[in-house]
Amino acid sequence: MFWGSHRVSVDAKGRIAIPAVYRKDLGDMCFATASRDRCLAIYTLERRDEIRTRMADPDTADDAEARMTARRFFGLGQEFQFDAQGRVTLSEDQRRYAGITPGGKVVVSGQGKHVEIWSEERWDASLHGADASV
């Protein structure tokens, strides 16, 4: 179970340190991808597989929203391992989608069964009732 929030710096290479409290439950290999709220989600591989089995196939889904959700999940997804400092390197496309800039700050937040990574600006806006698409 993941909970709590941590503000973390993004280095010049787009790497962020995932707090140790999350790393111990995420395991050695994880999966990061786009979430619906213009942030990123980190799943254990087991949780990723659970979601994948329920997700529409982007080639055959009739619903345009279901196709786009699947495209984001698969197209922006990547497996990763933490480096020796507990960091992950987010792809350029992932950072662009979530509004994360090298040298900036993110909020790493536990969300029960997964962890989210938000740009600091979008996190603050979403918590204060403003439009989360900042």
Protein backbone atom coordinates (compact mmCIF):
# COMPACT_ATOMS: atom_id res chain seq x y z
CA MET A 1 0.00 0.00 0.00
CA PHE A 2 1.45 3.35 -1.08
CA TRP A 3 0.62 6.66 0.63
CA GLY A 4 2.15 10.02 1.40
CA SER A 5 3.76 12.62 -0.86
CA HIS A 6 7.33 13.76 -1.37
CA ARG A 7 8.74 16.71 -3.33
CA VAL A 8 11.77 15.64 -5.33
CA SER A 9 14.15 17.43 -7.69
CA VAL A 10 14.58 16.39 -11.32
CA ASP A 11 18.21 16.39 -12.38
CA ALA A 12 19.53 17.70 -15.71
CA LYS A 13 19.23 14.21 -17.27
CA GLY A 14 15.56 13.84 -16.31
CA ARG A 15 16.24 11.47 -13.42
CA ILE A 16 14.26 11.50 -10.20
CA ALA A 17 14.94 9.69 -6.94
CA ILE A 18 11.96 7.60 -5.87
CA PRO A 19 11.66 7.73 -2.06
CA ALA A 20 12.84 4.54 -0.33
CA VAL A 21 9.45 4.07 1.32
CA TYR A 22 8.02 3.33 -2.16
CA ARG A 23 10.98 1.46 -3.63
CA LYS A 24 10.81 -1.35 -1.11
CA ASP A 25 7.28 -2.27 -2.21
CA LEU A 26 7.75 -1.59 -5.93
CA GLY A 27 10.37 -4.31 -6.25
CA ASP A 28 13.44 -4.63 -8.43
CA MET A 29 11.65 -3.99 -11.74
CA CYS A 30 8.75 -1.57 -12.21
CA PHE A 31 6.63 -0.05 -14.96
CA ALA A 32 6.02 3.67 -15.48
CA THR A 33 3.44 5.07 -17.87
CA ALA A 34 0.97 7.88 -18.49
CA SER A 35 -1.96 8.32 -16.15
CA ARG A 36 -5.26 9.99 -17.02
CA ASP A 37 -4.56 13.19 -15.09
CA ARG A 38 -1.47 14.29 -17.07
CA CYS A 39 0.85 12.68 -14.56
CA LEU A 40 2.81 9.43 -14.60
CA ALA A 41 2.01 6.24 -12.72
CA ILE A 42 4.48 3.64 -11.46
CA TYR A 43 3.18 0.10 -11.04
CA THR A 44 4.66 -3.15 -9.87
CA LEU A 45 4.91 -5.54 -12.80
CA GLU A 46 2.12 -7.63 -11.26
CA ARG A 47 -0.21 -4.64 -11.06
CA ARG A 48 0.70 -3.63 -14.63
CA ASP A 49 -0.27 -7.09 -15.83
CA GLU A 50 -3.61 -6.90 -13.99
CA ILE A 51 -4.41 -3.59 -15.67
CA ARG A 52 -3.22 -4.82 -19.07
CA THR A 53 -5.60 -7.79 -19.01
CA ARG A 54 -8.58 -5.46 -18.44
CA MET A 55 -7.54 -2.86 -20.99
CA ALA A 56 -9.06 -2.57 -24.45
CA ASP A 57 -6.92 -3.54 -27.41
CA PRO A 58 -6.15 -0.28 -29.28
CA ASP A 59 -6.48 -2.13 -32.60
CA THR A 60 -10.02 -3.37 -31.99
CA ALA A 61 -11.69 -1.18 -29.36
CA ASP A 62 -14.85 0.59 -30.53
CA ASP A 63 -14.60 3.38 -27.96
CA ALA A 64 -12.20 6.21 -28.92
CA GLU A 65 -11.44 7.01 -25.28
CA ALA A 66 -10.55 3.37 -24.58
CA ARG A 67 -8.22 3.33 -27.60
CA MET A 68 -6.48 6.52 -26.45
CA THR A 69 -6.10 5.21 -22.89
CA ALA A 70 -4.51 2.02 -24.24
CA ARG A 71 -2.24 4.00 -26.59
CA ARG A 72 -0.97 6.13 -23.71
CA PHE A 73 -0.54 3.12 -21.42
CA PHE A 74 1.44 1.10 -23.96
CA GLY A 75 3.07 3.92 -25.95
CA LEU A 76 4.41 5.85 -22.98
CA GLY A 77 5.14 2.81 -20.83
CA GLN A 78 8.57 1.59 -19.94
CA GLU A 79 10.00 -0.95 -17.55
CA PHE A 80 12.84 0.21 -15.37
CA GLN A 81 15.12 -0.66 -12.50
CA PHE A 82 16.28 1.82 -9.91
CA ASP A 83 19.91 2.86 -10.13
CA ALA A 84 22.24 2.72 -7.11
CA GLN A 85 20.82 6.05 -5.84
CA GLY A 86 17.20 4.93 -6.20
CA ARG A 87 16.63 7.02 -9.31
CA VAL A 88 14.67 6.38 -12.48
CA THR A 89 15.18 8.08 -15.80
CA LEU A 90 11.92 9.24 -17.34
CA SER A 91 11.76 9.29 -21.12
CA GLU A 92 11.44 12.60 -22.93
CA ASP A 93 7.91 11.67 -24.03
CA GLN A 94 6.90 10.81 -20.47
CA ARG A 95 8.29 14.11 -19.17
CA ARG A 96 6.56 16.07 -21.94
CA TYR A 97 3.22 14.36 -21.26
CA ALA A 98 3.42 15.10 -17.52
CA GLY A 99 4.91 18.61 -17.82
CA ILE A 100 8.11 17.60 -16.03
CA THR A 101 11.24 19.59 -16.82
CA PRO A 102 14.86 18.74 -16.01
CA GLY A 103 16.02 20.98 -13.17
CA GLY A 104 12.46 21.30 -11.87
CA LYS A 105 10.55 19.62 -9.06
CA VAL A 106 8.03 16.79 -8.98
CA VAL A 107 5.73 15.35 -6.37
CA VAL A 108 5.97 11.59 -5.89
CA SER A 109 2.71 10.50 -4.30
CA GLY A 110 1.42 7.17 -3.04
CA GLN A 111 -2.02 6.29 -4.42
CA GLY A 112 -2.87 3.00 -2.76
CA LYS A 113 -1.93 0.40 -5.36
CA HIS A 114 0.47 2.60 -7.34
CA VAL A 115 2.71 5.67 -7.13
CA GLU A 116 2.19 8.84 -9.17
CA ILE A 117 4.73 11.39 -10.37
CA TRP A 118 3.33 14.90 -10.90
CA SER A 119 4.94 18.12 -12.00
CA GLU A 120 4.97 20.29 -8.88
CA GLU A 121 2.81 22.92 -10.59
CA ARG A 122 0.11 20.45 -11.67
CA TRP A 123 0.06 18.78 -8.26
CA ASP A 124 -0.40 22.10 -6.46
CA ALA A 125 -3.07 23.22 -8.92
CA SER A 126 -5.00 19.95 -8.61
CA LEU A 127 -4.99 20.10 -4.82
CA HIS A 128 -6.19 23.70 -4.71
CA GLY A 129 -9.13 23.14 -7.05
CA ALA A 130 -7.55 24.81 -10.06
CA ASP A 131 -7.51 23.24 -13.51
CA ALA A 132 -5.01 20.36 -13.43
CA SER A 133 -4.00 20.99 -17.06
CA VAL A 134 -1.63 23.83 -16.10
